[in-house]
Amino acid sequence: MSHPREPAGLFHPVPAVRTLPGARETIRGLNQSGGIKLVVLDDDPTGCQTVHDVKILTTWDRETVAETAAHHDIFFILTNTRAYGAEKAAALTRQIATVLTGCIPAHALRIISRSDSTLRGHFGAEVMTLLQTCGPFDGVLIIPFFGEGGRYTIDGTHYLEQQDALVEVHRTEFARDPVFGYAHSYLPAWVAEQSKGFWTQEAVVKITLSDIREGGVEQVHQILKKVEGTVPVTVDAMRDEDLEVVALALCRSEQEGKRFLYRTAASFVKIRAGIEDKALFEPLPVATKGLIVVGSHVQKTTEQLQCLLQEDNLERVAVQLATIFSDACARYLGELTRQVDRWLSAGQSVVVYTEREYALQGDYESRLKAGEIISDFLSTLVNQLTVAPDFIIAKGGITSLDVARKGLHLTEGVVVGQIEPGVPVWQLGKGSKHPGMLYVVFPGNVGNAQSLKSVYTKLTGK
């Protein structure tokens, strides 16, 4: 689905959007003629939330990557690095990048380091590692725009649309993330902050809405032509059409020999690949028993969970976090697994969610470790179930990948589309615990209060 409107709450006039008919078809053609292989390294599994009919991998051995690259012009590798500390994130990124450079020629390889549209993630560790392993690059394009989620960049500043107002992201709950917090919405300042001074604010090049909408492809191309020496380049965007202009200019620059690394949110992925928008996925409502696993703790998830819990035909388990951090964890896991199996066997849908009141304590590393324990618990519960649900919804990026990889043994699958804007549906691939099952990857910070209930209703017809 495209994002068809300008956001509410604009505080000053902006140039009229520039529409280029057939832009994505042109981009797709340029990719094919150039033999381009677009690989998305996704730091959690939600970056596929704008695409359809695209392969995803949760493993990156050389044989699998080479086989996938031989048959697909775009694919995702789900790294889950947002679940780890910076050192482990860098090590995984280096490992994957080394495999990619051994499988795909440098002239054909395009890497999108996909991360959160609210600016959370290991920007410094991952980008620096990719520069060292896959470089040299002339520049690093930084594009956090994500229209489906109401994230916009205007005059270099990144905003989140909340209640018909544009709020600078450093004033939102996401900037107060206990692991990935930050102090700046102005992207040049954010780059300096996240790179720990490797790049200064003044070194950053900005591509503005005026460049895109008034100057068009030619002006953006001229800006990119002058970028060299591994310079960060921030890109304004309020509509998909803005990124189409940028992508066409980028294709032209790369044809002329320029090299860029992309650090972006999900919207850029479909534009750079030339993937056309598609209507929302409409499943046949034949499912009778589903499993919903909720790990995300952001406020939007809590609101959505509270709405879902109003359903009468839904069994529920509030996971006691203090218990899973105790010696009673194994016994508790067995009790919950048996209870969920009984409900599924009776044809009931079940929602398993982490209790909302519990606050993780300790320093950065302690909280990351606690998050891993929680995610492992939820994944193990799914893995030990003996009754197969008709579908699974996983809420939260880290939760959904861990459940897929550890709980369902997923190594590959296909994104079939979006069931709600920004909410992808996968079909589990061969070798998984439930091949062919629909698996909904529901980001923690996407949708409105009704969205989780809406997805459940679409899947069950209830």
Protein backbone atom coordinates (compact mmCIF):
# COMPACT_ATOMS: atom_id res chain seq x y z
CA MET A 1 0.00 0.00 0.00
CA SER A 2 1.28 3.47 -0.82
CA HIS A 3 1.08 6.43 1.50
CA PRO A 4 -1.35 8.67 -0.40
CA ARG A 5 -1.39 11.89 1.59
CA GLU A 6 0.72 14.55 3.20
CA PRO A 7 0.83 14.25 7.00
CA ALA A 8 -1.43 16.32 9.20
CA GLY A 9 0.12 18.96 11.42
CA LEU A 10 2.41 20.58 8.85
CA PHE A 11 3.85 23.73 10.36
CA HIS A 12 4.82 25.50 7.12
CA PRO A 13 4.09 25.08 3.40
CA VAL A 14 6.12 22.55 1.45
CA PRO A 15 6.61 22.27 -2.32
CA ALA A 16 4.01 20.30 -4.23
CA VAL A 17 4.81 16.63 -4.64
CA ARG A 18 6.53 15.66 -7.91
CA THR A 19 4.98 12.57 -9.53
CA LEU A 20 6.93 10.60 -12.09
CA PRO A 21 4.65 8.16 -13.96
CA GLY A 22 6.15 4.69 -14.30
CA ALA A 23 8.98 5.49 -11.89
CA ARG A 24 9.11 2.08 -10.23
CA GLU A 25 8.92 0.25 -13.53
CA THR A 26 11.89 2.32 -14.70
CA ILE A 27 13.82 1.57 -11.50
CA ARG A 28 13.04 -2.11 -11.86
CA GLY A 29 14.27 -2.08 -15.45
CA LEU A 30 17.50 -0.34 -14.50
CA ASN A 31 18.11 -2.92 -11.78
CA GLN A 32 17.54 -5.79 -14.19
CA SER A 33 19.69 -4.35 -16.96
CA GLY A 34 22.50 -3.71 -14.49
CA GLY A 35 22.27 -7.14 -12.88
CA ILE A 36 21.68 -5.49 -9.50
CA LYS A 37 21.27 -7.69 -6.42
CA LEU A 38 19.59 -5.80 -3.60
CA VAL A 39 20.20 -7.37 -0.20
CA VAL A 40 18.38 -6.06 2.85
CA LEU A 41 20.12 -6.68 6.17
CA ASP A 42 17.22 -6.26 8.57
CA ASP A 43 18.03 -5.69 12.22
CA ASP A 44 14.63 -7.12 13.16
CA PRO A 45 12.06 -8.84 10.94
CA THR A 46 9.74 -5.89 10.36
CA GLY A 47 11.58 -4.23 7.47
CA CYS A 48 9.66 -6.34 4.97
CA GLN A 49 6.53 -4.37 5.90
CA THR A 50 6.27 -2.60 2.52
CA VAL A 51 7.01 -5.45 0.09
CA HIS A 52 5.34 -8.55 -1.30
CA ASP A 53 6.50 -11.74 -3.02
CA VAL A 54 10.00 -11.35 -1.60
CA LYS A 55 12.14 -14.08 -0.06
CA ILE A 56 13.41 -13.84 3.50
CA LEU A 57 16.30 -15.74 5.07
CA THR A 58 17.09 -16.25 8.74
CA THR A 59 20.39 -17.96 7.94
CA TRP A 60 23.34 -16.72 5.90
CA ASP A 61 25.63 -19.62 5.09
CA ARG A 62 27.42 -19.16 1.78
CA GLU A 63 25.51 -21.90 -0.05
CA THR A 64 22.08 -20.51 0.89
CA VAL A 65 23.01 -16.93 0.06
CA ALA A 66 24.58 -17.85 -3.28
CA GLU A 67 21.56 -19.97 -4.26
CA THR A 68 19.15 -17.19 -3.28
CA ALA A 69 21.14 -14.50 -5.12
CA ALA A 70 21.19 -16.64 -8.25
CA HIS A 71 17.38 -16.69 -8.41
CA HIS A 72 16.26 -13.45 -6.73
CA ASP A 73 17.10 -9.81 -7.44
CA ILE A 74 16.05 -8.77 -3.93
CA PHE A 75 15.98 -10.72 -0.68
CA PHE A 76 16.11 -10.11 3.05
CA ILE A 77 18.56 -11.50 5.59
CA LEU A 78 17.06 -11.15 9.06
CA THR A 79 19.99 -10.42 11.36
CA ASN A 80 18.07 -9.59 14.58
CA THR A 81 21.01 -7.42 15.65
CA ARG A 82 18.73 -5.05 17.56
CA ALA A 83 18.36 -7.84 20.11
CA TYR A 84 22.11 -7.81 20.87
CA GLY A 85 24.82 -5.52 22.12
CA ALA A 86 26.89 -3.41 19.76
CA GLU A 87 29.87 -5.78 19.73
CA LYS A 88 27.80 -8.81 18.75
CA ALA A 89 25.84 -6.73 16.22
CA ALA A 90 29.09 -5.69 14.56
CA ALA A 91 30.41 -9.27 14.53
CA LEU A 92 27.25 -10.63 12.90
CA THR A 93 27.22 -7.80 10.37
CA ARG A 94 30.85 -8.51 9.45
CA GLN A 95 30.13 -12.21 9.07
CA ILE A 96 27.17 -11.62 6.75
CA ALA A 97 28.94 -8.92 4.75
CA THR A 98 31.89 -11.24 4.16
CA VAL A 99 29.53 -13.90 2.80
CA LEU A 100 27.82 -11.36 0.54
CA THR A 101 31.04 -10.02 -0.95
CA GLY A 102 32.12 -13.60 -1.64
CA CYS A 103 28.87 -14.42 -3.45
CA ILE A 104 27.92 -11.22 -5.30
CA PRO A 105 30.28 -9.03 -7.39
CA ALA A 106 30.86 -5.56 -5.95
CA HIS A 107 29.45 -3.82 -9.05
CA ALA A 108 26.13 -5.66 -8.62
CA LEU A 109 25.76 -5.68 -4.83
CA ARG A 110 23.54 -3.06 -3.19
CA ILE A 111 23.16 -3.27 0.58
CA ILE A 112 20.29 -1.76 2.52
CA SER A 113 21.01 -1.74 6.23
CA ARG A 114 17.35 -1.59 7.30
CA SER A 115 16.60 -0.29 10.75
CA ASP A 116 13.86 1.32 12.79
CA SER A 117 12.02 4.34 11.41
CA THR A 118 12.06 5.88 14.90
CA LEU A 119 15.89 5.87 14.83
CA ARG A 120 16.57 3.00 17.27
CA GLY A 121 19.34 0.56 16.43
CA HIS A 122 23.09 0.00 16.18
CA PHE A 123 23.75 2.72 13.60
CA GLY A 124 27.42 3.17 14.44
CA ALA A 125 28.33 -0.50 14.88
CA GLU A 126 26.54 -1.74 11.77
CA VAL A 127 27.31 1.09 9.36
CA MET A 128 30.99 1.26 10.33
CA THR A 129 31.32 -2.50 9.93
CA LEU A 130 29.73 -2.45 6.48
CA LEU A 131 31.98 0.43 5.42
CA GLN A 132 35.05 -1.54 6.51
CA THR A 133 33.94 -4.86 5.01
CA CYS A 134 32.25 -3.81 1.78
CA GLY A 135 33.74 -0.38 1.07
CA PRO A 136 34.93 1.98 -0.12
CA PHE A 137 31.70 3.98 -0.51
CA ASP A 138 31.26 7.56 -1.61
CA GLY A 139 28.43 8.12 0.82
CA VAL A 140 25.92 6.67 3.26
CA LEU A 141 22.29 7.49 2.49
CA ILE A 142 20.21 7.92 5.66
CA ILE A 143 16.48 7.64 4.93
CA PRO A 144 14.23 6.94 7.96
CA PHE A 145 10.97 7.93 6.19
CA PHE A 146 8.19 5.38 6.68
CA GLY A 147 4.87 6.71 5.46
CA GLU A 148 2.75 3.77 6.61
CA GLY A 149 3.86 4.44 10.18
CA GLY A 150 3.65 8.23 10.05
CA ARG A 151 7.42 8.94 10.09
CA TYR A 152 8.55 11.91 7.98
CA THR A 153 11.76 13.88 7.42
CA ILE A 154 11.44 17.60 6.72
CA ASP A 155 14.38 20.02 6.51
CA GLY A 156 16.63 17.31 7.90
CA THR A 157 14.49 16.75 11.01
CA HIS A 158 12.65 13.48 11.59
CA TYR A 159 9.08 13.54 12.89
CA LEU A 160 6.43 11.12 14.10
CA GLU A 161 2.78 11.85 13.41
CA GLN A 162 0.80 11.60 16.64
CA GLN A 163 -2.85 12.65 16.98
CA ASP A 164 -2.72 14.84 13.86
CA ALA A 165 0.45 16.61 14.97
CA LEU A 166 4.06 16.19 13.88
CA VAL A 167 6.30 15.53 16.89
CA GLU A 168 10.09 15.53 16.71
CA VAL A 169 11.08 11.94 17.40
CA HIS A 170 13.49 12.88 20.20
CA ARG A 171 10.39 14.03 22.12
CA THR A 172 8.68 10.62 21.83
CA GLU A 173 8.90 7.44 23.91
CA PHE A 174 11.20 5.90 21.29
CA ALA A 175 14.00 8.35 22.10
CA ARG A 176 13.78 7.21 25.71
CA ASP A 177 14.35 3.58 24.77
CA PRO A 178 16.46 2.10 27.60
CA VAL A 179 18.86 0.52 25.10
CA PHE A 180 18.72 2.72 21.99
CA GLY A 181 17.82 6.15 23.33
CA TYR A 182 19.00 9.32 21.60
CA ALA A 183 18.88 13.10 22.03
CA HIS A 184 18.39 14.52 18.52
CA SER A 185 15.72 14.55 15.82
CA TYR A 186 17.79 16.73 13.50
CA LEU A 187 19.48 14.00 11.49
CA PRO A 188 22.92 15.63 11.05
CA ALA A 189 23.13 16.01 14.84
CA TRP A 190 21.81 12.46 15.29
CA VAL A 191 24.51 11.13 12.93
CA ALA A 192 27.20 12.88 14.97
CA GLU A 193 25.71 11.48 18.17
CA GLN A 194 25.34 7.92 16.90
CA SER A 195 28.77 7.82 15.24
CA LYS A 196 30.34 9.12 18.46
CA GLY A 197 31.90 12.02 16.60
CA PHE A 198 33.34 10.03 13.68
CA TRP A 199 31.20 12.32 11.53
CA THR A 200 30.49 15.87 12.59
CA GLN A 201 27.15 17.51 12.08
CA GLU A 202 28.73 19.86 9.56
CA ALA A 203 30.03 16.99 7.41
CA VAL A 204 26.52 15.74 6.63
CA VAL A 205 25.00 16.51 3.21
CA LYS A 206 21.25 17.14 3.13
CA ILE A 207 18.88 16.39 0.26
CA THR A 208 15.83 18.52 0.99
CA LEU A 209 12.21 18.46 -0.13
CA SER A 210 12.99 21.49 -2.29
CA ASP A 211 15.79 19.57 -4.01
CA ILE A 212 13.47 16.64 -4.62
CA ARG A 213 10.20 18.34 -5.49
CA GLU A 214 11.45 21.47 -7.24
CA GLY A 215 14.78 20.32 -8.65
CA GLY A 216 13.72 16.76 -9.41
CA VAL A 217 15.94 13.89 -10.52
CA GLU A 218 18.52 16.18 -12.11
CA GLN A 219 19.14 18.26 -8.98
CA VAL A 220 19.36 15.23 -6.71
CA HIS A 221 21.71 13.61 -9.21
CA GLN A 222 23.97 16.66 -9.14
CA ILE A 223 24.12 16.52 -5.34
CA LEU A 224 24.99 12.82 -5.35
CA LYS A 225 27.68 13.33 -8.03
CA LYS A 226 29.60 15.56 -5.62
CA VAL A 227 29.42 13.18 -2.65
CA GLU A 228 32.73 11.47 -1.94
CA GLY A 229 34.89 10.34 0.93
CA THR A 230 32.22 8.32 2.76
CA VAL A 231 29.96 11.24 3.60
CA PRO A 232 26.59 10.80 5.35
CA VAL A 233 23.67 12.05 3.23
CA THR A 234 20.29 12.62 4.88
CA VAL A 235 17.19 12.54 2.69
CA ASP A 236 13.91 14.37 3.27
CA ALA A 237 10.69 12.54 2.38
CA MET A 238 6.98 12.86 3.06
CA ARG A 239 5.63 10.64 0.31
CA ASP A 240 6.74 7.57 -1.61
CA GLU A 241 6.99 9.78 -4.68
CA ASP A 242 9.83 11.70 -3.01
CA LEU A 243 11.85 8.51 -2.74
CA GLU A 244 11.09 7.61 -6.35
CA VAL A 245 12.83 10.82 -7.42
CA VAL A 246 15.78 10.01 -5.17
CA ALA A 247 16.00 6.41 -6.36
CA LEU A 248 16.09 7.41 -10.03
CA ALA A 249 18.86 9.92 -9.33
CA LEU A 250 20.67 7.26 -7.32
CA CYS A 251 20.44 4.73 -10.16
CA ARG A 252 21.93 7.29 -12.55
CA SER A 253 24.77 8.11 -10.13
CA GLU A 254 25.58 4.46 -9.54
CA GLN A 255 25.62 3.78 -13.28
CA GLU A 256 28.31 6.47 -13.45
CA GLY A 257 30.40 4.64 -10.86
CA LYS A 258 29.33 6.16 -7.54
CA ARG A 259 28.94 3.76 -4.60
CA PHE A 260 26.52 4.24 -1.74
CA LEU A 261 25.58 2.30 1.36
CA TYR A 262 21.93 2.66 2.36
CA ARG A 263 20.80 2.98 5.99
CA THR A 264 17.04 3.28 5.77
CA ALA A 265 13.62 2.37 7.06
CA ALA A 266 11.21 0.07 5.23
CA SER A 267 9.73 2.48 2.66
CA PHE A 268 12.99 2.88 0.76
CA VAL A 269 13.24 -0.89 0.25
CA LYS A 270 10.24 -1.16 -2.06
CA ILE A 271 11.18 2.02 -3.94
CA ARG A 272 14.80 1.01 -4.55
CA ALA A 273 13.63 -2.42 -5.72
CA GLY A 274 10.93 -0.91 -7.95
CA ILE A 275 8.22 -2.96 -6.25
CA GLU A 276 4.71 -1.76 -7.07
CA ASP A 277 2.13 -1.23 -4.35
CA LYS A 278 -0.39 -3.98 -3.78
CA ALA A 279 -3.76 -4.13 -2.06
CA LEU A 280 -3.82 -5.42 1.48
CA PHE A 281 -3.62 -9.19 1.86
CA GLU A 282 -7.06 -10.72 2.46
CA PRO A 283 -6.84 -14.19 4.01
CA LEU A 284 -9.72 -16.62 3.75
CA PRO A 285 -11.32 -16.58 7.23
CA VAL A 286 -11.24 -20.33 7.74
CA ALA A 287 -8.95 -20.37 10.79
CA THR A 288 -10.55 -21.39 14.07
CA LYS A 289 -7.61 -21.40 16.46
CA GLY A 290 -4.76 -18.94 16.36
CA LEU A 291 -1.81 -18.14 18.61
CA ILE A 292 -0.92 -14.52 19.36
CA VAL A 293 2.43 -13.89 21.07
CA VAL A 294 3.00 -10.37 22.42
CA GLY A 295 6.47 -9.38 23.58
CA SER A 296 6.68 -5.70 22.67
CA HIS A 297 6.27 -3.24 25.55
CA VAL A 298 5.80 0.08 23.74
CA GLN A 299 2.68 2.01 24.61
CA LYS A 300 1.01 1.36 21.25
CA THR A 301 1.33 -2.40 21.74
CA THR A 302 -0.19 -2.18 25.21
CA GLU A 303 -3.17 -0.24 23.83
CA GLN A 304 -3.63 -2.80 21.05
CA LEU A 305 -3.37 -5.69 23.49
CA GLN A 306 -5.98 -4.17 25.80
CA CYS A 307 -8.34 -3.86 22.84
CA LEU A 308 -7.73 -7.47 21.77
CA LEU A 309 -8.32 -8.76 25.30
CA GLN A 310 -11.88 -7.49 25.13
CA GLU A 311 -12.63 -10.42 22.81
CA ASP A 312 -14.72 -13.06 24.60
CA ASN A 313 -13.64 -15.99 22.42
CA LEU A 314 -9.95 -15.72 23.31
CA GLU A 315 -7.99 -17.53 26.02
CA ARG A 316 -5.14 -15.58 27.59
CA VAL A 317 -1.85 -16.05 29.43
CA ALA A 318 -0.08 -13.15 31.13
CA VAL A 319 3.53 -14.34 31.42
CA GLN A 320 4.94 -13.57 34.88
CA LEU A 321 8.37 -12.14 34.17
CA ALA A 322 9.64 -12.47 37.72
CA THR A 323 8.98 -16.21 37.48
CA ILE A 324 10.93 -16.70 34.25
CA PHE A 325 13.92 -14.96 35.88
CA SER A 326 13.74 -17.42 38.78
CA ASP A 327 14.61 -21.06 39.43
CA ALA A 328 10.95 -21.93 38.78
CA CYS A 329 11.23 -21.01 35.08
CA ALA A 330 11.39 -24.57 33.68
CA ARG A 331 8.39 -25.78 35.67
CA TYR A 332 6.43 -22.64 34.77
CA LEU A 333 7.24 -23.09 31.07
CA GLY A 334 5.95 -26.66 31.16
CA GLU A 335 2.70 -25.62 32.86
CA LEU A 336 2.00 -22.86 30.36
CA THR A 337 2.85 -25.05 27.37
CA ARG A 338 0.44 -27.76 28.48
CA GLN A 339 -2.31 -25.20 29.13
CA VAL A 340 -1.92 -23.57 25.69
CA ASP A 341 -1.95 -27.03 24.07
CA ARG A 342 -5.22 -27.85 25.82
CA TRP A 343 -6.85 -24.65 24.60
CA LEU A 344 -5.64 -25.11 21.02
CA SER A 345 -6.79 -28.73 21.06
CA ALA A 346 -10.26 -27.46 22.02
CA GLY A 347 -10.25 -25.12 19.01
CA GLN A 348 -9.65 -21.95 21.05
CA SER A 349 -7.42 -19.06 20.06
CA VAL A 350 -4.85 -18.04 22.67
CA VAL A 351 -2.95 -14.83 23.35
CA VAL A 352 0.30 -15.14 25.33
CA TYR A 353 1.66 -11.78 26.47
CA THR A 354 4.29 -10.50 28.84
CA GLU A 355 2.84 -8.73 31.85
CA ARG A 356 2.64 -5.01 31.26
CA GLU A 357 3.62 -3.69 34.70
CA TYR A 358 7.05 -5.25 34.94
CA ALA A 359 9.98 -2.88 34.29
CA LEU A 360 13.41 -4.23 33.34
CA GLN A 361 16.13 -3.08 35.70
CA GLY A 362 19.88 -2.57 35.48
CA ASP A 363 22.32 -1.19 32.93
CA TYR A 364 22.31 -1.48 29.13
CA GLU A 365 23.81 -4.97 29.03
CA SER A 366 21.56 -6.25 31.82
CA ARG A 367 18.43 -5.10 30.03
CA LEU A 368 19.54 -6.62 26.76
CA LYS A 369 20.21 -9.92 28.54
CA ALA A 370 16.81 -9.79 30.23
CA GLY A 371 15.18 -9.16 26.85
CA GLU A 372 16.94 -12.24 25.44
CA ILE A 373 15.66 -14.38 28.33
CA ILE A 374 12.09 -13.20 27.77
CA SER A 375 12.27 -13.78 24.03
CA ASP A 376 13.83 -17.24 24.53
CA PHE A 377 11.02 -18.16 26.92
CA LEU A 378 8.31 -17.19 24.42
CA SER A 379 10.13 -18.95 21.56
CA THR A 380 10.60 -22.14 23.58
CA LEU A 381 6.92 -22.17 24.52
CA VAL A 382 5.97 -22.02 20.83
CA ASN A 383 8.50 -24.70 19.96
CA GLN A 384 7.23 -27.12 22.62
CA LEU A 385 3.57 -26.91 21.63
CA THR A 386 2.27 -30.22 20.28
CA VAL A 387 -0.93 -28.80 18.78
CA ALA A 388 -0.46 -26.70 15.64
CA PRO A 389 -2.38 -23.41 15.55
CA ASP A 390 -3.99 -22.33 12.28
CA PHE A 391 -1.93 -19.13 12.26
CA ILE A 392 0.46 -17.21 14.50
CA ILE A 393 0.65 -13.47 15.14
CA ALA A 394 3.87 -12.28 16.81
CA LYS A 395 3.88 -8.74 18.21
CA GLY A 396 7.22 -6.95 18.40
CA GLY A 397 10.24 -7.14 16.11
CA ILE A 398 12.64 -9.13 18.27
CA THR A 399 9.86 -11.38 19.53
CA SER A 400 8.63 -12.20 16.04
CA LEU A 401 12.03 -13.18 14.69
CA ASP A 402 12.98 -15.27 17.71
CA VAL A 403 9.63 -17.07 17.59
CA ALA A 404 10.11 -17.69 13.86
CA ARG A 405 13.71 -18.81 14.03
CA LYS A 406 13.90 -20.59 17.39
CA GLY A 407 10.27 -21.51 17.93
CA LEU A 408 9.33 -22.51 14.39
CA HIS A 409 12.79 -23.41 12.98
CA LEU A 410 12.26 -21.04 10.07
CA THR A 411 15.24 -20.67 7.74
CA GLU A 412 13.39 -19.23 4.78
CA GLY A 413 9.96 -17.95 3.85
CA VAL A 414 8.11 -15.56 1.56
CA VAL A 415 6.49 -12.23 2.34
CA VAL A 416 3.04 -12.61 0.76
CA GLY A 417 1.90 -9.05 1.51
CA GLN A 418 0.61 -6.75 4.23
CA ILE A 419 -2.54 -7.54 6.21
CA GLU A 420 -2.64 -3.98 7.61
CA PRO A 421 -0.47 -1.06 6.50
CA GLY A 422 3.04 -1.84 7.74
CA VAL A 423 2.12 -5.33 9.02
CA PRO A 424 3.66 -8.11 6.88
CA VAL A 425 2.41 -11.67 6.48
CA TRP A 426 4.87 -14.47 5.81
CA GLN A 427 4.26 -17.95 4.51
CA LEU A 428 6.56 -20.29 6.40
CA GLY A 429 8.95 -22.17 4.14
CA LYS A 430 10.08 -25.76 3.85
CA GLY A 431 11.92 -27.13 6.84
CA SER A 432 9.96 -25.02 9.32
CA LYS A 433 7.82 -26.56 12.04
CA HIS A 434 4.64 -25.66 10.15
CA PRO A 435 5.39 -25.27 6.39
CA GLY A 436 2.86 -23.11 4.59
CA MET A 437 1.41 -21.58 7.75
CA LEU A 438 0.60 -17.85 7.74
CA TYR A 439 2.78 -15.94 10.19
CA VAL A 440 1.98 -12.30 10.92
CA VAL A 441 4.94 -10.14 11.91
CA PHE A 442 3.35 -7.23 13.76
CA PRO A 443 5.78 -4.40 14.63
CA GLY A 444 5.41 -3.00 18.11
CA ASN A 445 4.99 0.61 17.03
CA VAL A 446 2.65 0.29 14.03
CA GLY A 447 -1.11 0.78 13.72
CA ASN A 448 -3.82 2.20 15.95
CA ALA A 449 -5.52 0.79 19.03
CA GLN A 450 -7.79 -1.45 16.91
CA SER A 451 -5.14 -2.87 14.57
CA LEU A 452 -4.20 -6.05 16.43
CA LYS A 453 -7.85 -6.94 16.94
CA SER A 454 -8.48 -6.17 13.25
CA VAL A 455 -5.77 -8.61 12.14
CA TYR A 456 -7.13 -11.31 14.44
CA THR A 457 -10.64 -10.75 13.05
CA LYS A 458 -9.43 -10.97 9.44
CA LEU A 459 -7.71 -14.28 10.11
CA THR A 460 -10.59 -15.89 12.00
CA GLY A 461 -13.66 -14.17 10.56
CA LYS A 462 -14.86 -13.68 14.14
